[in-house]
């Protein structure tokens, strides 16, 4: 993330948004929203995957799309 001196493309945020869109996580973009996100997470059953390859494939797909 740029504000922390990292790469200028904010790839972490893009990955988080993609995982959030797929309902794999609850993203927190502002620390003041953390408590609410924790409470929401307690009421949700997440679609879990035990196959690391699925997550790795999804991240690879996202990165490949950015390279274009």
C-alpha atoms as a PDB file:
ATOM      1  CA  UNK A   1       0.000   0.000   0.000  1.00  0.00           C
ATOM      2  CA  UNK A   2       1.372   3.345  -1.019  1.00  0.00           C
ATOM      3  CA  UNK A   3       0.821   4.985   2.349  1.00  0.00           C
ATOM      4  CA  UNK A   4       3.173   2.414   3.899  1.00  0.00           C
ATOM      5  CA  UNK A   5       5.899   2.806   1.273  1.00  0.00           C
ATOM      6  CA  UNK A   6       4.984  -0.334  -0.640  1.00  0.00           C
ATOM      7  CA  UNK A   7       4.523  -0.876  -4.352  1.00  0.00           C
ATOM      8  CA  UNK A   8       2.413   1.738  -6.072  1.00  0.00           C
ATOM      9  CA  UNK A   9      -0.263  -0.634  -7.380  1.00  0.00           C
ATOM     10  CA  UNK A  10      -1.952  -1.409  -4.034  1.00  0.00           C
ATOM     11  CA  UNK A  11      -2.166  -5.085  -4.980  1.00  0.00           C
ATOM     12  CA  UNK A  12      -3.106  -6.078  -1.435  1.00  0.00           C
ATOM     13  CA  UNK A  13      -6.291  -4.008  -1.616  1.00  0.00           C
ATOM     14  CA  UNK A  14      -7.164  -5.465  -5.006  1.00  0.00           C
ATOM     15  CA  UNK A  15      -6.712  -9.020  -3.733  1.00  0.00           C
ATOM     16  CA  UNK A  16      -8.785  -8.263  -0.634  1.00  0.00           C
ATOM     17  CA  UNK A  17     -11.575  -6.775  -2.773  1.00  0.00           C
ATOM     18  CA  UNK A  18     -11.611  -9.869  -4.976  1.00  0.00           C
ATOM     19  CA  UNK A  19     -11.749 -12.229  -1.980  1.00  0.00           C
ATOM     20  CA  UNK A  20     -14.471 -10.070  -0.434  1.00  0.00           C
ATOM     21  CA  UNK A  21     -16.469 -10.164  -3.686  1.00  0.00           C
ATOM     22  CA  UNK A  22     -16.315 -13.963  -3.559  1.00  0.00           C
ATOM     23  CA  UNK A  23     -17.564 -13.842   0.050  1.00  0.00           C
ATOM     24  CA  UNK A  24     -14.416 -15.527   1.359  1.00  0.00           C
ATOM     25  CA  UNK A  25     -13.590 -12.698   3.787  1.00  0.00           C
ATOM     26  CA  UNK A  26     -14.997  -9.587   5.428  1.00  0.00           C
ATOM     27  CA  UNK A  27     -12.642  -6.793   4.495  1.00  0.00           C
ATOM     28  CA  UNK A  28     -11.868  -3.840   6.752  1.00  0.00           C
ATOM     29  CA  UNK A  29     -10.621  -0.752   4.945  1.00  0.00           C
ATOM     30  CA  UNK A  30     -10.853   1.576   7.934  1.00  0.00           C
ATOM     31  CA  UNK A  31      -9.704   0.509  11.412  1.00  0.00           C
ATOM     32  CA  UNK A  32     -12.767   2.173  12.908  1.00  0.00           C
ATOM     33  CA  UNK A  33     -14.901  -0.468  11.158  1.00  0.00           C
ATOM     34  CA  UNK A  34     -13.014  -3.417  12.666  1.00  0.00           C
ATOM     35  CA  UNK A  35     -15.379  -4.004  15.590  1.00  0.00           C
ATOM     36  CA  UNK A  36     -18.420  -4.050  13.320  1.00  0.00           C
ATOM     37  CA  UNK A  37     -16.663  -6.440  10.930  1.00  0.00           C
ATOM     38  CA  UNK A  38     -15.825  -8.806  13.788  1.00  0.00           C
ATOM     39  CA  UNK A  39     -19.459  -8.789  14.912  1.00  0.00           C
ATOM     40  CA  UNK A  40     -20.674  -9.466  11.360  1.00  0.00           C
ATOM     41  CA  UNK A  41     -18.172 -12.305  11.004  1.00  0.00           C
ATOM     42  CA  UNK A  42     -19.644 -14.053  14.027  1.00  0.00           C
ATOM     43  CA  UNK A  43     -22.996 -14.283  12.242  1.00  0.00           C
ATOM     44  CA  UNK A  44     -21.671 -15.622   8.942  1.00  0.00           C
ATOM     45  CA  UNK A  45     -20.708 -19.107   7.865  1.00  0.00           C
ATOM     46  CA  UNK A  46     -17.897 -18.635   5.397  1.00  0.00           C
ATOM     47  CA  UNK A  47     -17.358 -20.870   2.395  1.00  0.00           C
ATOM     48  CA  UNK A  48     -14.082 -22.457   3.408  1.00  0.00           C
ATOM     49  CA  UNK A  49     -11.732 -24.254   1.120  1.00  0.00           C
ATOM     50  CA  UNK A  50      -9.222 -26.785   2.300  1.00  0.00           C
ATOM     51  CA  UNK A  51      -7.384 -26.767  -0.984  1.00  0.00           C
ATOM     52  CA  UNK A  52      -4.590 -24.233  -1.002  1.00  0.00           C
ATOM     53  CA  UNK A  53      -4.343 -24.654  -4.751  1.00  0.00           C
ATOM     54  CA  UNK A  54      -7.757 -23.002  -5.208  1.00  0.00           C
ATOM     55  CA  UNK A  55      -6.626 -19.872  -3.371  1.00  0.00           C
ATOM     56  CA  UNK A  56      -3.272 -19.840  -5.156  1.00  0.00           C
ATOM     57  CA  UNK A  57      -5.004 -20.239  -8.523  1.00  0.00           C
ATOM     58  CA  UNK A  58      -7.320 -17.333  -7.741  1.00  0.00           C
ATOM     59  CA  UNK A  59      -4.416 -15.076  -6.755  1.00  0.00           C
ATOM     60  CA  UNK A  60      -2.542 -16.122  -9.915  1.00  0.00           C
ATOM     61  CA  UNK A  61      -5.632 -15.269 -11.995  1.00  0.00           C
ATOM     62  CA  UNK A  62      -5.865 -11.818 -10.386  1.00  0.00           C
ATOM     63  CA  UNK A  63      -2.164 -11.126 -10.912  1.00  0.00           C
ATOM     64  CA  UNK A  64      -2.310 -12.265 -14.532  1.00  0.00           C
ATOM     65  CA  UNK A  65      -5.213  -9.906 -15.193  1.00  0.00           C
ATOM     66  CA  UNK A  66      -3.168  -6.985 -13.785  1.00  0.00           C
ATOM     67  CA  UNK A  67      -0.178  -7.813 -15.985  1.00  0.00           C
ATOM     68  CA  UNK A  68      -2.225  -7.203 -19.133  1.00  0.00           C
END
